[in-house]
Amino acid sequence: RSKNELGVSIGRMAMTTPNPGLPLWPLYVQCARRGSGLFGGDSKQLVDMVASTGDPRTVLERLDASDCSDESLLALVSECFRPPGTDLEDVYPGDVASTSSGGANRPFSRESLLQLLRSLTKRAVVNENTYSTLIPAPNPFVIPAGRFRESYYWDSYWIILGLLSCPDQWAADLCIGIVRNFAYMVDEMGFVPNGFREYYANRSQPPLLTVMVDSIATKGGRQNMIAEFLPVLKKELLFWRREERTIVEESTGLAVSRYWSSWTAPRAESLAEDLRTAGGPVGNAARADSADSAASMGDGE
């Protein structure tokens, strides 16, 4: 198909395919139809905002009653949402890392980097009176910063390696808490999602949990923790050995696990950007299916 036909097809898919894990998908789609410029050119800004109500249907009712113009969408978001990041809180607010040799003010010193890690250590804020796409984890975690306000799977491996260079107890506790968060995700979801957001629940990242556990056990002197995590590591392995994630190399007959996402529509965190990349302006797809998409938007989820 031509690029324009592909763009129209993907545009229709986004507008008519509900995302079961994202009750505010209709709002995200309507904003994407206007282009990502509504939120500083970044669709992730919207999906990371925190709704001021615990019932997303309240927001959808407001959406149904609006004319979906730029002005009405911006007003709705301004009145019904809190800024991204308000579903997190600092674990070490205003704190300076405790180190054995000082030097926290020297750029790129070990002490300054550990202090940075502490400033990026967060915990999830669970509030029944709000709605957030954040998947709450039971223990503190380190975020990459910037627009990435959640824990990520394979990023955390490198974070753990840095923390293991610190002899202080807070670093060891943080490492163990991070891998226990991943174990919690495997127990609850069957795998570790790409990141701790509902829109990442359709894909994972390179499975480094085994290596994380091994690093903490060997470099951190916690050999006894292997037994704790072994059942979870086996469960994650089964996820990667599912038929849809396995290919057989014909020449050797070896089975190889592959990266695969169970979601075929544009990504929520890049909805406008994906539509634009797939086939030109979002408006082309919107105009091509305006009647059907309007009807589907009224279906809520």
C-alpha atoms as a PDB file:
ATOM      1  CA  ARG A   1       0.000   0.000   0.000  1.00  0.00           C
ATOM      2  CA  SER A   2       1.041   3.605  -0.526  1.00  0.00           C
ATOM      3  CA  LYS A   3       2.301   5.664   2.388  1.00  0.00           C
ATOM      4  CA  ASN A   4      -0.911   7.686   2.369  1.00  0.00           C
ATOM      5  CA  GLU A   5      -3.078   4.544   2.392  1.00  0.00           C
ATOM      6  CA  LEU A   6      -1.020   3.127   5.252  1.00  0.00           C
ATOM      7  CA  GLY A   7      -1.418   6.366   7.189  1.00  0.00           C
ATOM      8  CA  VAL A   8      -5.187   6.321   6.720  1.00  0.00           C
ATOM      9  CA  SER A   9      -5.337   2.673   7.796  1.00  0.00           C
ATOM     10  CA  ILE A  10      -3.293   3.279  10.948  1.00  0.00           C
ATOM     11  CA  GLY A  11      -5.243   6.432  11.662  1.00  0.00           C
ATOM     12  CA  ARG A  12      -8.505   4.483  11.537  1.00  0.00           C
ATOM     13  CA  MET A  13      -6.980   1.799  13.750  1.00  0.00           C
ATOM     14  CA  ALA A  14      -6.067   4.337  16.410  1.00  0.00           C
ATOM     15  CA  MET A  15      -9.496   5.899  16.364  1.00  0.00           C
ATOM     16  CA  THR A  16     -11.522   2.675  16.384  1.00  0.00           C
ATOM     17  CA  THR A  17      -9.299   0.332  18.414  1.00  0.00           C
ATOM     18  CA  PRO A  18      -9.804   0.742  22.163  1.00  0.00           C
ATOM     19  CA  ASN A  19      -6.827   0.191  24.431  1.00  0.00           C
ATOM     20  CA  PRO A  20      -8.169  -1.971  27.291  1.00  0.00           C
ATOM     21  CA  GLY A  21      -5.539  -0.737  29.729  1.00  0.00           C
ATOM     22  CA  LEU A  22      -6.139   2.947  29.022  1.00  0.00           C
ATOM     23  CA  PRO A  23      -9.656   4.143  29.879  1.00  0.00           C
ATOM     24  CA  LEU A  24      -8.819   7.652  28.612  1.00  0.00           C
ATOM     25  CA  TRP A  25      -7.808   6.364  25.162  1.00  0.00           C
ATOM     26  CA  PRO A  26     -10.619   8.355  23.448  1.00  0.00           C
ATOM     27  CA  LEU A  27      -9.198  11.589  24.864  1.00  0.00           C
ATOM     28  CA  TYR A  28      -5.690  10.671  23.761  1.00  0.00           C
ATOM     29  CA  VAL A  29      -6.951   9.958  20.250  1.00  0.00           C
ATOM     30  CA  GLN A  30      -8.861  13.229  19.992  1.00  0.00           C
ATOM     31  CA  CYS A  31      -5.799  15.181  21.085  1.00  0.00           C
ATOM     32  CA  ALA A  32      -3.630  13.224  18.627  1.00  0.00           C
ATOM     33  CA  ARG A  33      -6.015  14.150  15.811  1.00  0.00           C
ATOM     34  CA  ARG A  34      -5.190  17.780  16.546  1.00  0.00           C
ATOM     35  CA  GLY A  35      -1.452  17.007  16.362  1.00  0.00           C
ATOM     36  CA  SER A  36       1.142  16.712  19.127  1.00  0.00           C
ATOM     37  CA  GLY A  37       1.635  20.493  19.163  1.00  0.00           C
ATOM     38  CA  LEU A  38      -1.110  20.747  21.791  1.00  0.00           C
ATOM     39  CA  PHE A  39       1.322  19.501  24.422  1.00  0.00           C
ATOM     40  CA  GLY A  40       4.664  20.884  23.383  1.00  0.00           C
ATOM     41  CA  GLY A  41       5.092  18.373  20.550  1.00  0.00           C
ATOM     42  CA  ASP A  42       5.128  15.390  22.909  1.00  0.00           C
ATOM     43  CA  SER A  43       2.181  12.996  23.240  1.00  0.00           C
ATOM     44  CA  LYS A  44       3.754  11.474  26.361  1.00  0.00           C
ATOM     45  CA  GLN A  45       3.063  14.698  28.222  1.00  0.00           C
ATOM     46  CA  LEU A  46      -0.676  14.011  28.086  1.00  0.00           C
ATOM     47  CA  VAL A  47      -0.678  10.296  28.934  1.00  0.00           C
ATOM     48  CA  ASP A  48       1.532  10.950  31.968  1.00  0.00           C
ATOM     49  CA  MET A  49      -0.793  13.598  33.406  1.00  0.00           C
ATOM     50  CA  VAL A  50      -2.808  12.641  36.483  1.00  0.00           C
ATOM     51  CA  ALA A  51      -6.587  12.935  36.273  1.00  0.00           C
ATOM     52  CA  SER A  52      -8.073  14.743  39.260  1.00  0.00           C
ATOM     53  CA  THR A  53     -10.787  12.116  39.549  1.00  0.00           C
ATOM     54  CA  GLY A  54     -10.594   8.438  40.342  1.00  0.00           C
ATOM     55  CA  ASP A  55     -13.299   7.731  37.748  1.00  0.00           C
ATOM     56  CA  PRO A  56     -12.046   8.351  34.170  1.00  0.00           C
ATOM     57  CA  ARG A  57     -15.646   8.213  32.935  1.00  0.00           C
ATOM     58  CA  THR A  58     -16.099  11.697  34.368  1.00  0.00           C
ATOM     59  CA  VAL A  59     -13.435  12.976  31.999  1.00  0.00           C
ATOM     60  CA  LEU A  60     -14.974  11.090  29.061  1.00  0.00           C
ATOM     61  CA  GLU A  61     -18.352  12.676  29.780  1.00  0.00           C
ATOM     62  CA  ARG A  62     -16.697  16.081  29.532  1.00  0.00           C
ATOM     63  CA  LEU A  63     -15.074  14.993  26.293  1.00  0.00           C
ATOM     64  CA  ASP A  64     -18.393  13.842  24.799  1.00  0.00           C
ATOM     65  CA  ALA A  65     -19.962  17.198  25.658  1.00  0.00           C
ATOM     66  CA  SER A  66     -17.169  19.224  24.030  1.00  0.00           C
ATOM     67  CA  ASP A  67     -16.680  20.209  20.399  1.00  0.00           C
ATOM     68  CA  CYS A  68     -13.120  18.783  20.512  1.00  0.00           C
ATOM     69  CA  SER A  69     -11.596  22.025  19.269  1.00  0.00           C
ATOM     70  CA  ASP A  70      -8.072  22.887  20.352  1.00  0.00           C
ATOM     71  CA  GLU A  71      -9.452  25.366  22.857  1.00  0.00           C
ATOM     72  CA  SER A  72     -11.965  22.963  24.415  1.00  0.00           C
ATOM     73  CA  LEU A  73      -9.436  20.108  24.645  1.00  0.00           C
ATOM     74  CA  LEU A  74      -6.851  22.346  26.293  1.00  0.00           C
ATOM     75  CA  ALA A  75      -9.484  23.649  28.724  1.00  0.00           C
ATOM     76  CA  LEU A  76     -10.610  20.107  29.572  1.00  0.00           C
ATOM     77  CA  VAL A  77      -7.065  18.937  30.266  1.00  0.00           C
ATOM     78  CA  SER A  78      -6.261  22.070  32.263  1.00  0.00           C
ATOM     79  CA  GLU A  79      -9.321  21.635  34.473  1.00  0.00           C
ATOM     80  CA  CYS A  80      -9.287  17.847  34.885  1.00  0.00           C
ATOM     81  CA  PHE A  81      -5.597  16.964  35.121  1.00  0.00           C
ATOM     82  CA  ARG A  82      -2.560  17.564  37.272  1.00  0.00           C
ATOM     83  CA  PRO A  83       0.933  17.880  35.745  1.00  0.00           C
ATOM     84  CA  PRO A  84       3.033  14.788  34.944  1.00  0.00           C
ATOM     85  CA  GLY A  85       5.093  13.608  37.870  1.00  0.00           C
ATOM     86  CA  THR A  86       2.478  14.298  40.536  1.00  0.00           C
ATOM     87  CA  ASP A  87       1.995  10.539  40.866  1.00  0.00           C
ATOM     88  CA  LEU A  88       5.537  10.283  42.272  1.00  0.00           C
ATOM     89  CA  GLU A  89       7.303  11.498  45.370  1.00  0.00           C
ATOM     90  CA  ASP A  90      10.965  11.859  46.284  1.00  0.00           C
ATOM     91  CA  VAL A  91      12.459   9.182  48.511  1.00  0.00           C
ATOM     92  CA  TYR A  92      15.386  11.400  49.550  1.00  0.00           C
ATOM     93  CA  PRO A  93      13.972  14.972  49.402  1.00  0.00           C
ATOM     94  CA  GLY A  94      16.668  17.623  49.728  1.00  0.00           C
ATOM     95  CA  ASP A  95      19.100  14.954  50.796  1.00  0.00           C
ATOM     96  CA  VAL A  96      22.834  14.719  50.143  1.00  0.00           C
ATOM     97  CA  ALA A  97      24.268  11.286  49.550  1.00  0.00           C
ATOM     98  CA  SER A  98      26.188   9.756  52.378  1.00  0.00           C
ATOM     99  CA  THR A  99      29.546   8.612  51.041  1.00  0.00           C
ATOM    100  CA  SER A 100      32.761   7.464  52.598  1.00  0.00           C
ATOM    101  CA  SER A 101      35.156   9.829  50.789  1.00  0.00           C
ATOM    102  CA  GLY A 102      33.319  13.096  50.062  1.00  0.00           C
ATOM    103  CA  GLY A 103      33.619  14.835  46.695  1.00  0.00           C
ATOM    104  CA  ALA A 104      29.902  15.131  45.892  1.00  0.00           C
ATOM    105  CA  ASN A 105      30.517  18.546  44.340  1.00  0.00           C
ATOM    106  CA  ARG A 106      33.028  17.283  41.743  1.00  0.00           C
ATOM    107  CA  PRO A 107      31.285  16.756  38.379  1.00  0.00           C
ATOM    108  CA  PHE A 108      31.178  13.106  37.278  1.00  0.00           C
ATOM    109  CA  SER A 109      32.805  11.876  40.471  1.00  0.00           C
ATOM    110  CA  ARG A 110      31.357   8.711  41.934  1.00  0.00           C
ATOM    111  CA  GLU A 111      29.941  10.736  44.808  1.00  0.00           C
ATOM    112  CA  SER A 112      28.190  13.231  42.531  1.00  0.00           C
ATOM    113  CA  LEU A 113      26.694  10.436  40.449  1.00  0.00           C
ATOM    114  CA  LEU A 114      25.421   8.657  43.538  1.00  0.00           C
ATOM    115  CA  GLN A 115      23.884  11.920  44.690  1.00  0.00           C
ATOM    116  CA  LEU A 116      22.195  12.210  41.282  1.00  0.00           C
ATOM    117  CA  LEU A 117      20.811   8.682  41.635  1.00  0.00           C
ATOM    118  CA  ARG A 118      19.351   9.584  45.010  1.00  0.00           C
ATOM    119  CA  SER A 119      17.687  12.672  43.538  1.00  0.00           C
ATOM    120  CA  LEU A 120      16.087  10.443  40.873  1.00  0.00           C
ATOM    121  CA  THR A 121      14.856   7.841  43.365  1.00  0.00           C
ATOM    122  CA  LYS A 122      11.063   7.933  43.576  1.00  0.00           C
ATOM    123  CA  ARG A 123       8.134   6.016  44.951  1.00  0.00           C
ATOM    124  CA  ALA A 124       4.655   5.719  43.517  1.00  0.00           C
ATOM    125  CA  VAL A 125       1.885   7.816  45.031  1.00  0.00           C
ATOM    126  CA  VAL A 126      -1.323   5.797  45.162  1.00  0.00           C
ATOM    127  CA  ASN A 127      -4.460   7.920  45.456  1.00  0.00           C
ATOM    128  CA  GLU A 128      -7.913   6.431  44.938  1.00  0.00           C
ATOM    129  CA  ASN A 129      -9.260   9.893  44.118  1.00  0.00           C
ATOM    130  CA  THR A 130      -7.066  10.294  41.038  1.00  0.00           C
ATOM    131  CA  TYR A 131      -6.303   8.304  37.890  1.00  0.00           C
ATOM    132  CA  SER A 132      -2.772   7.780  36.616  1.00  0.00           C
ATOM    133  CA  THR A 133      -1.225   5.524  33.979  1.00  0.00           C
ATOM    134  CA  LEU A 134       1.592   4.760  36.428  1.00  0.00           C
ATOM    135  CA  ILE A 135       1.770   1.103  37.458  1.00  0.00           C
ATOM    136  CA  PRO A 136       2.574   1.423  41.171  1.00  0.00           C
ATOM    137  CA  ALA A 137       5.526  -0.592  42.421  1.00  0.00           C
ATOM    138  CA  PRO A 138       5.841  -1.648  46.068  1.00  0.00           C
ATOM    139  CA  ASN A 139       9.399  -0.323  46.502  1.00  0.00           C
ATOM    140  CA  PRO A 140      11.342   2.820  45.511  1.00  0.00           C
ATOM    141  CA  PHE A 141      12.912   2.949  42.038  1.00  0.00           C
ATOM    142  CA  VAL A 142      15.167   5.196  39.978  1.00  0.00           C
ATOM    143  CA  ILE A 143      13.772   7.072  36.971  1.00  0.00           C
ATOM    144  CA  PRO A 144      15.835   8.214  33.954  1.00  0.00           C
ATOM    145  CA  ALA A 145      14.569  11.838  34.411  1.00  0.00           C
ATOM    146  CA  GLY A 146      13.321  14.331  31.855  1.00  0.00           C
ATOM    147  CA  ARG A 147      10.141  13.083  30.159  1.00  0.00           C
ATOM    148  CA  PHE A 148      10.736   9.569  31.517  1.00  0.00           C
ATOM    149  CA  ARG A 149       8.981   9.603  34.891  1.00  0.00           C
ATOM    150  CA  GLU A 150       8.778   5.865  35.537  1.00  0.00           C
ATOM    151  CA  SER A 151      11.034   2.900  36.132  1.00  0.00           C
ATOM    152  CA  TYR A 152      12.348   1.162  32.994  1.00  0.00           C
ATOM    153  CA  TYR A 153      13.386  -2.454  32.739  1.00  0.00           C
ATOM    154  CA  TRP A 154      16.817  -2.639  31.180  1.00  0.00           C
ATOM    155  CA  ASP A 155      17.826   0.894  32.230  1.00  0.00           C
ATOM    156  CA  SER A 156      17.666  -0.392  35.780  1.00  0.00           C
ATOM    157  CA  TYR A 157      20.430  -2.922  35.137  1.00  0.00           C
ATOM    158  CA  TRP A 158      22.968  -0.143  34.534  1.00  0.00           C
ATOM    159  CA  ILE A 159      21.593   1.777  37.498  1.00  0.00           C
ATOM    160  CA  ILE A 160      22.108  -1.274  39.716  1.00  0.00           C
ATOM    161  CA  LEU A 161      25.709  -1.656  38.522  1.00  0.00           C
ATOM    162  CA  GLY A 162      26.357   1.947  39.564  1.00  0.00           C
ATOM    163  CA  LEU A 163      24.685   1.503  42.922  1.00  0.00           C
ATOM    164  CA  LEU A 164      26.731  -1.622  43.637  1.00  0.00           C
ATOM    165  CA  SER A 165      29.863   0.546  43.607  1.00  0.00           C
ATOM    166  CA  CYS A 166      28.581   2.320  46.723  1.00  0.00           C
ATOM    167  CA  PRO A 167      29.359   0.668  50.081  1.00  0.00           C
ATOM    168  CA  ASP A 168      26.463   2.367  51.884  1.00  0.00           C
ATOM    169  CA  GLN A 169      23.404   0.434  53.017  1.00  0.00           C
ATOM    170  CA  TRP A 170      20.902   2.710  51.224  1.00  0.00           C
ATOM    171  CA  ALA A 171      22.385   1.689  47.846  1.00  0.00           C
ATOM    172  CA  ALA A 172      22.172  -2.037  48.620  1.00  0.00           C
ATOM    173  CA  ASP A 173      18.590  -1.662  49.845  1.00  0.00           C
ATOM    174  CA  LEU A 174      17.643   0.285  46.709  1.00  0.00           C
ATOM    175  CA  CYS A 175      19.116  -2.412  44.440  1.00  0.00           C
ATOM    176  CA  ILE A 176      17.136  -5.154  46.157  1.00  0.00           C
ATOM    177  CA  GLY A 177      13.986  -3.055  46.092  1.00  0.00           C
ATOM    178  CA  ILE A 178      14.342  -2.497  42.343  1.00  0.00           C
ATOM    179  CA  VAL A 179      14.600  -6.204  41.528  1.00  0.00           C
ATOM    180  CA  ARG A 180      11.742  -6.967  43.911  1.00  0.00           C
ATOM    181  CA  ASN A 181       9.656  -4.481  41.928  1.00  0.00           C
ATOM    182  CA  PHE A 182      10.403  -6.468  38.781  1.00  0.00           C
ATOM    183  CA  ALA A 183       9.594  -9.724  40.567  1.00  0.00           C
ATOM    184  CA  TYR A 184       6.287  -8.171  41.602  1.00  0.00           C
ATOM    185  CA  MET A 185       5.539  -7.317  37.960  1.00  0.00           C
ATOM    186  CA  VAL A 186       6.318 -10.876  36.848  1.00  0.00           C
ATOM    187  CA  ASP A 187       4.019 -12.260  39.528  1.00  0.00           C
ATOM    188  CA  GLU A 188       1.208  -9.829  38.639  1.00  0.00           C
ATOM    189  CA  MET A 189       1.574  -9.581  34.845  1.00  0.00           C
ATOM    190  CA  GLY A 190       3.619 -12.628  33.860  1.00  0.00           C
ATOM    191  CA  PHE A 191       6.530 -10.499  32.623  1.00  0.00           C
ATOM    192  CA  VAL A 192       8.358  -7.229  33.256  1.00  0.00           C
ATOM    193  CA  PRO A 193       6.824  -4.436  31.164  1.00  0.00           C
ATOM    194  CA  ASN A 194       8.963  -2.037  29.150  1.00  0.00           C
ATOM    195  CA  GLY A 195       8.309   0.569  31.850  1.00  0.00           C
ATOM    196  CA  PHE A 196       5.953   1.045  34.777  1.00  0.00           C
ATOM    197  CA  ARG A 197       3.134   2.641  32.777  1.00  0.00           C
ATOM    198  CA  GLU A 198      -0.091   1.034  31.597  1.00  0.00           C
ATOM    199  CA  TYR A 199       0.736   1.909  27.989  1.00  0.00           C
ATOM    200  CA  TYR A 200       3.917  -0.182  28.246  1.00  0.00           C
ATOM    201  CA  ALA A 201       1.993  -3.291  29.309  1.00  0.00           C
ATOM    202  CA  ASN A 202       1.997  -4.686  25.751  1.00  0.00           C
ATOM    203  CA  ARG A 203       5.767  -5.140  25.518  1.00  0.00           C
ATOM    204  CA  SER A 204       8.880  -5.873  27.528  1.00  0.00           C
ATOM    205  CA  GLN A 205      12.582  -5.042  27.147  1.00  0.00           C
ATOM    206  CA  PRO A 206      15.697  -7.246  26.986  1.00  0.00           C
ATOM    207  CA  PRO A 207      15.236  -9.652  29.932  1.00  0.00           C
ATOM    208  CA  LEU A 208      18.025  -8.651  32.274  1.00  0.00           C
ATOM    209  CA  LEU A 209      16.368  -9.587  35.551  1.00  0.00           C
ATOM    210  CA  THR A 210      18.491 -12.735  35.876  1.00  0.00           C
ATOM    211  CA  VAL A 211      21.655 -10.705  35.380  1.00  0.00           C
ATOM    212  CA  MET A 212      20.475  -8.111  37.897  1.00  0.00           C
ATOM    213  CA  VAL A 213      19.886 -10.762  40.540  1.00  0.00           C
ATOM    214  CA  ASP A 214      23.258 -12.370  39.781  1.00  0.00           C
ATOM    215  CA  SER A 215      25.052  -8.995  40.002  1.00  0.00           C
ATOM    216  CA  ILE A 216      23.550  -8.213  43.406  1.00  0.00           C
ATOM    217  CA  ALA A 217      24.240 -11.752  44.644  1.00  0.00           C
ATOM    218  CA  THR A 218      27.890 -11.777  43.548  1.00  0.00           C
ATOM    219  CA  LYS A 219      29.029  -8.153  43.685  1.00  0.00           C
ATOM    220  CA  GLY A 220      26.767  -7.264  46.595  1.00  0.00           C
ATOM    221  CA  GLY A 221      27.487 -10.400  48.578  1.00  0.00           C
ATOM    222  CA  ARG A 222      23.840 -11.508  48.698  1.00  0.00           C
ATOM    223  CA  GLN A 223      24.080 -15.123  47.581  1.00  0.00           C
ATOM    224  CA  ASN A 224      21.073 -16.068  49.695  1.00  0.00           C
ATOM    225  CA  MET A 225      18.751 -13.946  47.518  1.00  0.00           C
ATOM    226  CA  ILE A 226      19.052 -16.308  44.524  1.00  0.00           C
ATOM    227  CA  ALA A 227      16.646 -18.783  46.099  1.00  0.00           C
ATOM    228  CA  GLU A 228      14.116 -15.973  46.652  1.00  0.00           C
ATOM    229  CA  PHE A 229      14.078 -14.994  42.973  1.00  0.00           C
ATOM    230  CA  LEU A 230      14.469 -18.375  41.272  1.00  0.00           C
ATOM    231  CA  PRO A 231      10.703 -19.053  40.878  1.00  0.00           C
ATOM    232  CA  VAL A 232      10.186 -15.597  39.352  1.00  0.00           C
ATOM    233  CA  LEU A 233      13.108 -16.020  36.951  1.00  0.00           C
ATOM    234  CA  LYS A 234      11.643 -19.318  35.746  1.00  0.00           C
ATOM    235  CA  LYS A 235       8.254 -17.670  35.252  1.00  0.00           C
ATOM    236  CA  GLU A 236       9.766 -14.862  33.168  1.00  0.00           C
ATOM    237  CA  LEU A 237      11.638 -17.405  31.049  1.00  0.00           C
ATOM    238  CA  LEU A 238       8.333 -19.090  30.219  1.00  0.00           C
ATOM    239  CA  PHE A 239       7.022 -15.741  28.973  1.00  0.00           C
ATOM    240  CA  TRP A 240       9.920 -15.439  26.527  1.00  0.00           C
ATOM    241  CA  ARG A 241       9.429 -19.044  25.401  1.00  0.00           C
ATOM    242  CA  ARG A 242       5.841 -18.534  24.310  1.00  0.00           C
ATOM    243  CA  GLU A 243       5.155 -19.528  20.729  1.00  0.00           C
ATOM    244  CA  GLU A 244       4.626 -15.973  19.467  1.00  0.00           C
ATOM    245  CA  ARG A 245       7.967 -14.922  20.935  1.00  0.00           C
ATOM    246  CA  THR A 246       9.986 -17.860  19.644  1.00  0.00           C
ATOM    247  CA  ILE A 247      11.502 -18.519  16.236  1.00  0.00           C
ATOM    248  CA  VAL A 248      13.461 -21.576  15.129  1.00  0.00           C
ATOM    249  CA  GLU A 249      16.730 -21.032  13.287  1.00  0.00           C
ATOM    250  CA  GLU A 250      16.403 -23.392  10.326  1.00  0.00           C
ATOM    251  CA  SER A 251      20.060 -24.312   9.856  1.00  0.00           C
ATOM    252  CA  THR A 252      20.596 -25.334  13.482  1.00  0.00           C
ATOM    253  CA  GLY A 253      17.084 -26.021  14.750  1.00  0.00           C
ATOM    254  CA  LEU A 254      17.746 -23.825  17.752  1.00  0.00           C
ATOM    255  CA  ALA A 255      14.821 -21.920  19.247  1.00  0.00           C
ATOM    256  CA  VAL A 256      15.492 -18.224  19.802  1.00  0.00           C
ATOM    257  CA  SER A 257      13.314 -15.808  21.747  1.00  0.00           C
ATOM    258  CA  ARG A 258      12.526 -12.583  19.934  1.00  0.00           C
ATOM    259  CA  TYR A 259      11.256  -9.151  20.829  1.00  0.00           C
ATOM    260  CA  TRP A 260       7.555  -8.897  20.048  1.00  0.00           C
ATOM    261  CA  SER A 261       4.750  -6.556  21.047  1.00  0.00           C
ATOM    262  CA  SER A 262       1.127  -7.631  21.337  1.00  0.00           C
ATOM    263  CA  TRP A 263      -0.073  -4.159  20.347  1.00  0.00           C
ATOM    264  CA  THR A 264      -0.449  -3.253  16.660  1.00  0.00           C
ATOM    265  CA  ALA A 265      -1.902   0.267  16.916  1.00  0.00           C
ATOM    266  CA  PRO A 266       0.134   3.457  17.413  1.00  0.00           C
ATOM    267  CA  ARG A 267       1.730   3.808  20.820  1.00  0.00           C
ATOM    268  CA  ALA A 268      -0.217   5.909  23.324  1.00  0.00           C
ATOM    269  CA  GLU A 269       2.896   7.800  24.412  1.00  0.00           C
ATOM    270  CA  SER A 270       3.690   8.671  20.783  1.00  0.00           C
ATOM    271  CA  LEU A 271       0.209   8.641  19.295  1.00  0.00           C
ATOM    272  CA  ALA A 272       0.338  11.820  17.204  1.00  0.00           C
ATOM    273  CA  GLU A 273       3.967  11.209  16.268  1.00  0.00           C
ATOM    274  CA  ASP A 274       3.292   7.622  15.135  1.00  0.00           C
ATOM    275  CA  LEU A 275       0.323   8.682  13.034  1.00  0.00           C
ATOM    276  CA  ARG A 276       2.383  11.401  11.402  1.00  0.00           C
ATOM    277  CA  THR A 277       5.290   9.034  10.731  1.00  0.00           C
ATOM    278  CA  ALA A 278       3.022   6.346   9.286  1.00  0.00           C
ATOM    279  CA  GLY A 279       1.392   8.436   6.641  1.00  0.00           C
ATOM    280  CA  GLY A 280       1.556  12.173   6.776  1.00  0.00           C
ATOM    281  CA  PRO A 281      -0.682  14.583   8.685  1.00  0.00           C
ATOM    282  CA  VAL A 282      -3.076  13.098  11.201  1.00  0.00           C
ATOM    283  CA  GLY A 283      -5.806  15.145   9.605  1.00  0.00           C
ATOM    284  CA  ASN A 284      -5.737  12.974   6.478  1.00  0.00           C
ATOM    285  CA  ALA A 285      -6.742   9.907   8.470  1.00  0.00           C
ATOM    286  CA  ALA A 286      -9.234  11.857  10.515  1.00  0.00           C
ATOM    287  CA  ARG A 287     -11.006  13.271   7.476  1.00  0.00           C
ATOM    288  CA  ALA A 288     -11.037   9.866   5.763  1.00  0.00           C
ATOM    289  CA  ASP A 289     -13.029   8.308   8.565  1.00  0.00           C
ATOM    290  CA  SER A 290     -14.626  11.219  10.377  1.00  0.00           C
ATOM    291  CA  ALA A 291     -18.094   9.691  10.754  1.00  0.00           C
ATOM    292  CA  ASP A 292     -16.931   6.284  11.964  1.00  0.00           C
ATOM    293  CA  SER A 293     -14.326   7.734  14.271  1.00  0.00           C
ATOM    294  CA  ALA A 294     -16.823  10.134  15.833  1.00  0.00           C
ATOM    295  CA  ALA A 295     -19.143   7.211  16.566  1.00  0.00           C
ATOM    296  CA  SER A 296     -16.340   5.126  18.024  1.00  0.00           C
ATOM    297  CA  MET A 297     -15.195   7.990  20.234  1.00  0.00           C
ATOM    298  CA  GLY A 298     -18.580   7.949  21.904  1.00  0.00           C
ATOM    299  CA  ASP A 299     -18.160   4.331  22.932  1.00  0.00           C
ATOM    300  CA  GLY A 300     -15.846   5.239  25.806  1.00  0.00           C
ATOM    301  CA  GLU A 301     -13.362   2.405  26.194  1.00  0.00           C
END
